[in-house]
Amino acid sequence: MRSGALPVQREASQALEERYLGQLEELGMAVTHPDLASFREAVKPVIDKWAPHRR
């Protein structure tokens, strides 16, 4: 049985991440936001090769 807690936990985690990153930026820390699309494209061959083995 699946719990409804997972979406709530994800939302809470995302909110905390935004809050803490904002606080760190206010304190002068340089926060980078990587281009995830290019990363996903770069690792796609590995995912395609190994995903069938995950079962």
PDB file of N, CA and C in Angstrom:
ATOM      1  N   MET A   1       0.844  -1.172   0.000  1.00  0.00           N
ATOM      2  CA  MET A   1       0.000   0.000   0.000  1.00  0.00           C
ATOM      3  C   MET A   1       0.896   1.244   0.000  1.00  0.00           C
ATOM      4  N   ARG A   2       0.539   2.202  -0.806  1.00  0.00           N
ATOM      5  CA  ARG A   2       1.300   3.447  -0.878  1.00  0.00           C
ATOM      6  C   ARG A   2       0.735   4.476   0.080  1.00  0.00           C
ATOM      7  N   SER A   3       1.631   5.235   0.617  1.00  0.00           N
ATOM      8  CA  SER A   3       1.217   6.272   1.558  1.00  0.00           C
ATOM      9  C   SER A   3       1.156   7.612   0.842  1.00  0.00           C
ATOM     10  N   GLY A   4       0.337   8.495   1.332  1.00  0.00           N
ATOM     11  CA  GLY A   4       0.265   9.837   0.791  1.00  0.00           C
ATOM     12  C   GLY A   4       1.362  10.727   1.328  1.00  0.00           C
ATOM     13  N   ALA A   5       2.270  10.151   2.106  1.00  0.00           N
ATOM     14  CA  ALA A   5       3.332  10.936   2.740  1.00  0.00           C
ATOM     15  C   ALA A   5       4.421  11.349   1.756  1.00  0.00           C
ATOM     16  N   LEU A   6       4.641  10.566   0.723  1.00  0.00           N
ATOM     17  CA  LEU A   6       5.735  10.855  -0.197  1.00  0.00           C
ATOM     18  C   LEU A   6       5.609  12.232  -0.859  1.00  0.00           C
ATOM     19  N   PRO A   7       4.479  12.586  -1.434  1.00  0.00           N
ATOM     20  CA  PRO A   7       4.373  13.930  -2.025  1.00  0.00           C
ATOM     21  C   PRO A   7       4.554  15.044  -0.998  1.00  0.00           C
ATOM     22  N   VAL A   8       4.055  14.830   0.198  1.00  0.00           N
ATOM     23  CA  VAL A   8       4.184  15.837   1.254  1.00  0.00           C
ATOM     24  C   VAL A   8       5.650  15.997   1.635  1.00  0.00           C
ATOM     25  N   GLN A   9       6.364  14.872   1.754  1.00  0.00           N
ATOM     26  CA  GLN A   9       7.782  14.910   2.119  1.00  0.00           C
ATOM     27  C   GLN A   9       8.589  15.603   1.029  1.00  0.00           C
ATOM     28  N   ARG A  10       8.307  15.294  -0.226  1.00  0.00           N
ATOM     29  CA  ARG A  10       9.034  15.932  -1.332  1.00  0.00           C
ATOM     30  C   ARG A  10       8.814  17.442  -1.337  1.00  0.00           C
ATOM     31  N   GLU A  11       7.578  17.846  -1.134  1.00  0.00           N
ATOM     32  CA  GLU A  11       7.258  19.272  -1.107  1.00  0.00           C
ATOM     33  C   GLU A  11       7.989  19.966   0.047  1.00  0.00           C
ATOM     34  N   ALA A  12       8.006  19.325   1.208  1.00  0.00           N
ATOM     35  CA  ALA A  12       8.690  19.895   2.367  1.00  0.00           C
ATOM     36  C   ALA A  12      10.194  19.989   2.113  1.00  0.00           C
ATOM     37  N   SER A  13      10.771  18.969   1.507  1.00  0.00           N
ATOM     38  CA  SER A  13      12.203  18.976   1.208  1.00  0.00           C
ATOM     39  C   SER A  13      12.563  20.093   0.227  1.00  0.00           C
ATOM     40  N   GLN A  14      11.740  20.257  -0.798  1.00  0.00           N
ATOM     41  CA  GLN A  14      11.992  21.314  -1.781  1.00  0.00           C
ATOM     42  C   GLN A  14      11.886  22.689  -1.146  1.00  0.00           C
ATOM     43  N   ALA A  15      10.906  22.873  -0.280  1.00  0.00           N
ATOM     44  CA  ALA A  15      10.742  24.165   0.388  1.00  0.00           C
ATOM     45  C   ALA A  15      11.944  24.465   1.281  1.00  0.00           C
ATOM     46  N   LEU A  16      12.416  23.462   2.021  1.00  0.00           N
ATOM     47  CA  LEU A  16      13.580  23.664   2.879  1.00  0.00           C
ATOM     48  C   LEU A  16      14.835  23.951   2.057  1.00  0.00           C
ATOM     49  N   GLU A  17      14.982  23.245   0.942  1.00  0.00           N
ATOM     50  CA  GLU A  17      16.143  23.477   0.084  1.00  0.00           C
ATOM     51  C   GLU A  17      16.164  24.927  -0.411  1.00  0.00           C
ATOM     52  N   GLU A  18      15.033  25.403  -0.890  1.00  0.00           N
ATOM     53  CA  GLU A  18      14.947  26.794  -1.362  1.00  0.00           C
ATOM     54  C   GLU A  18      15.265  27.773  -0.231  1.00  0.00           C
ATOM     55  N   ARG A  19      14.720  27.508   0.935  1.00  0.00           N
ATOM     56  CA  ARG A  19      14.943  28.380   2.098  1.00  0.00           C
ATOM     57  C   ARG A  19      16.420  28.440   2.469  1.00  0.00           C
ATOM     58  N   TYR A  20      17.033  27.263   2.595  1.00  0.00           N
ATOM     59  CA  TYR A  20      18.433  27.223   3.016  1.00  0.00           C
ATOM     60  C   TYR A  20      19.376  27.773   1.951  1.00  0.00           C
ATOM     61  N   LEU A  21      19.083  27.506   0.677  1.00  0.00           N
ATOM     62  CA  LEU A  21      19.922  28.076  -0.381  1.00  0.00           C
ATOM     63  C   LEU A  21      19.820  29.597  -0.376  1.00  0.00           C
ATOM     64  N   GLY A  22      18.625  30.118  -0.157  1.00  0.00           N
ATOM     65  CA  GLY A  22      18.447  31.565  -0.069  1.00  0.00           C
ATOM     66  C   GLY A  22      19.232  32.160   1.092  1.00  0.00           C
ATOM     67  N   GLN A  23      19.213  31.480   2.219  1.00  0.00           N
ATOM     68  CA  GLN A  23      19.977  31.955   3.378  1.00  0.00           C
ATOM     69  C   GLN A  23      21.477  31.938   3.095  1.00  0.00           C
ATOM     70  N   LEU A  24      21.943  30.884   2.455  1.00  0.00           N
ATOM     71  CA  LEU A  24      23.366  30.798   2.128  1.00  0.00           C
ATOM     72  C   LEU A  24      23.783  31.899   1.148  1.00  0.00           C
ATOM     73  N   GLU A  25      22.926  32.160   0.159  1.00  0.00           N
ATOM     74  CA  GLU A  25      23.218  33.235  -0.791  1.00  0.00           C
ATOM     75  C   GLU A  25      23.265  34.583  -0.074  1.00  0.00           C
ATOM     76  N   GLU A  26      22.351  34.810   0.856  1.00  0.00           N
ATOM     77  CA  GLU A  26      22.344  36.062   1.622  1.00  0.00           C
ATOM     78  C   GLU A  26      23.623  36.224   2.440  1.00  0.00           C
ATOM     79  N   LEU A  27      24.200  35.113   2.848  1.00  0.00           N
ATOM     80  CA  LEU A  27      25.443  35.147   3.617  1.00  0.00           C
ATOM     81  C   LEU A  27      26.682  35.257   2.723  1.00  0.00           C
ATOM     82  N   GLY A  28      26.461  35.296   1.416  1.00  0.00           N
ATOM     83  CA  GLY A  28      27.562  35.504   0.488  1.00  0.00           C
ATOM     84  C   GLY A  28      28.052  34.274  -0.246  1.00  0.00           C
ATOM     85  N   MET A  29      27.415  33.151  -0.048  1.00  0.00           N
ATOM     86  CA  MET A  29      27.844  31.937  -0.737  1.00  0.00           C
ATOM     87  C   MET A  29      27.365  31.972  -2.184  1.00  0.00           C
ATOM     88  N   ALA A  30      28.247  31.594  -3.111  1.00  0.00           N
ATOM     89  CA  ALA A  30      27.868  31.488  -4.518  1.00  0.00           C
ATOM     90  C   ALA A  30      27.220  30.134  -4.739  1.00  0.00           C
ATOM     91  N   VAL A  31      25.964  30.138  -5.132  1.00  0.00           N
ATOM     92  CA  VAL A  31      25.217  28.907  -5.366  1.00  0.00           C
ATOM     93  C   VAL A  31      25.056  28.740  -6.875  1.00  0.00           C
ATOM     94  N   THR A  32      25.470  27.589  -7.370  1.00  0.00           N
ATOM     95  CA  THR A  32      25.342  27.329  -8.802  1.00  0.00           C
ATOM     96  C   THR A  32      24.145  26.422  -9.057  1.00  0.00           C
ATOM     97  N   HIS A  33      23.599  26.541 -10.238  1.00  0.00           N
ATOM     98  CA  HIS A  33      22.470  25.715 -10.652  1.00  0.00           C
ATOM     99  C   HIS A  33      22.858  25.058 -11.972  1.00  0.00           C
ATOM    100  N   PRO A  34      23.316  23.801 -11.923  1.00  0.00           N
ATOM    101  CA  PRO A  34      23.806  23.141 -13.123  1.00  0.00           C
ATOM    102  C   PRO A  34      22.710  22.904 -14.155  1.00  0.00           C
ATOM    103  N   ASP A  35      23.137  22.770 -15.395  1.00  0.00           N
ATOM    104  CA  ASP A  35      22.229  22.474 -16.500  1.00  0.00           C
ATOM    105  C   ASP A  35      21.948  20.972 -16.481  1.00  0.00           C
ATOM    106  N   LEU A  36      20.827  20.576 -15.901  1.00  0.00           N
ATOM    107  CA  LEU A  36      20.516  19.161 -15.757  1.00  0.00           C
ATOM    108  C   LEU A  36      20.208  18.490 -17.092  1.00  0.00           C
ATOM    109  N   ALA A  37      19.691  19.234 -18.051  1.00  0.00           N
ATOM    110  CA  ALA A  37      19.370  18.643 -19.355  1.00  0.00           C
ATOM    111  C   ALA A  37      20.627  18.109 -20.029  1.00  0.00           C
ATOM    112  N   SER A  38      21.708  18.870 -20.008  1.00  0.00           N
ATOM    113  CA  SER A  38      22.944  18.395 -20.645  1.00  0.00           C
ATOM    114  C   SER A  38      23.541  17.226 -19.868  1.00  0.00           C
ATOM    115  N   PHE A  39      23.393  17.218 -18.541  1.00  0.00           N
ATOM    116  CA  PHE A  39      23.869  16.093 -17.740  1.00  0.00           C
ATOM    117  C   PHE A  39      23.083  14.832 -18.081  1.00  0.00           C
ATOM    118  N   ARG A  40      21.762  14.955 -18.136  1.00  0.00           N
ATOM    119  CA  ARG A  40      20.928  13.787 -18.468  1.00  0.00           C
ATOM    120  C   ARG A  40      21.284  13.235 -19.844  1.00  0.00           C
ATOM    121  N   GLU A  41      21.524  14.134 -20.789  1.00  0.00           N
ATOM    122  CA  GLU A  41      21.899  13.712 -22.141  1.00  0.00           C
ATOM    123  C   GLU A  41      23.243  12.971 -22.117  1.00  0.00           C
ATOM    124  N   ALA A  42      24.181  13.476 -21.323  1.00  0.00           N
ATOM    125  CA  ALA A  42      25.510  12.869 -21.255  1.00  0.00           C
ATOM    126  C   ALA A  42      25.481  11.474 -20.627  1.00  0.00           C
ATOM    127  N   VAL A  43      24.603  11.241 -19.662  1.00  0.00           N
ATOM    128  CA  VAL A  43      24.568   9.944 -18.985  1.00  0.00           C
ATOM    129  C   VAL A  43      23.539   8.978 -19.580  1.00  0.00           C
ATOM    130  N   LYS A  44      22.790   9.418 -20.571  1.00  0.00           N
ATOM    131  CA  LYS A  44      21.758   8.574 -21.169  1.00  0.00           C
ATOM    132  C   LYS A  44      22.291   7.226 -21.653  1.00  0.00           C
ATOM    133  N   PRO A  45      23.452   7.164 -22.310  1.00  0.00           N
ATOM    134  CA  PRO A  45      23.953   5.850 -22.735  1.00  0.00           C
ATOM    135  C   PRO A  45      24.170   4.882 -21.560  1.00  0.00           C
ATOM    136  N   VAL A  46      24.604   5.380 -20.443  1.00  0.00           N
ATOM    137  CA  VAL A  46      24.812   4.531 -19.265  1.00  0.00           C
ATOM    138  C   VAL A  46      23.468   4.046 -18.726  1.00  0.00           C
ATOM    139  N   ILE A  47      22.508   4.946 -18.646  1.00  0.00           N
ATOM    140  CA  ILE A  47      21.167   4.570 -18.169  1.00  0.00           C
ATOM    141  C   ILE A  47      20.552   3.529 -19.090  1.00  0.00           C
ATOM    142  N   ASP A  48      20.656   3.767 -20.408  1.00  0.00           N
ATOM    143  CA  ASP A  48      20.096   2.827 -21.378  1.00  0.00           C
ATOM    144  C   ASP A  48      20.746   1.451 -21.259  1.00  0.00           C
ATOM    145  N   LYS A  49      22.038   1.424 -20.998  1.00  0.00           N
ATOM    146  CA  LYS A  49      22.758   0.154 -20.893  1.00  0.00           C
ATOM    147  C   LYS A  49      22.369  -0.606 -19.624  1.00  0.00           C
ATOM    148  N   TRP A  50      22.259   0.096 -18.494  1.00  0.00           N
ATOM    149  CA  TRP A  50      22.092  -0.585 -17.213  1.00  0.00           C
ATOM    150  C   TRP A  50      20.660  -0.633 -16.699  1.00  0.00           C
ATOM    151  N   ALA A  51      19.759   0.178 -17.218  1.00  0.00           N
ATOM    152  CA  ALA A  51      18.378   0.184 -16.717  1.00  0.00           C
ATOM    153  C   ALA A  51      17.703  -1.178 -16.817  1.00  0.00           C
ATOM    154  N   PRO A  52      17.905  -1.928 -17.906  1.00  0.00           N
ATOM    155  CA  PRO A  52      17.254  -3.251 -17.974  1.00  0.00           C
ATOM    156  C   PRO A  52      17.719  -4.208 -16.869  1.00  0.00           C
ATOM    157  N   HIS A  53      18.874  -3.977 -16.294  1.00  0.00           N
ATOM    158  CA  HIS A  53      19.429  -4.858 -15.269  1.00  0.00           C
ATOM    159  C   HIS A  53      18.918  -4.534 -13.870  1.00  0.00           C
ATOM    160  N   ARG A  54      18.117  -3.504 -13.743  1.00  0.00           N
ATOM    161  CA  ARG A  54      17.662  -3.059 -12.416  1.00  0.00           C
ATOM    162  C   ARG A  54      16.564  -3.940 -11.851  1.00  0.00           C
ATOM    163  N   ARG A  55      16.002  -4.799 -12.624  1.00  0.00           N
ATOM    164  CA  ARG A  55      14.858  -5.613 -12.155  1.00  0.00           C
ATOM    165  C   ARG A  55      15.281  -6.777 -11.370  1.00  0.00           C
TER     166      ARG A  55
END
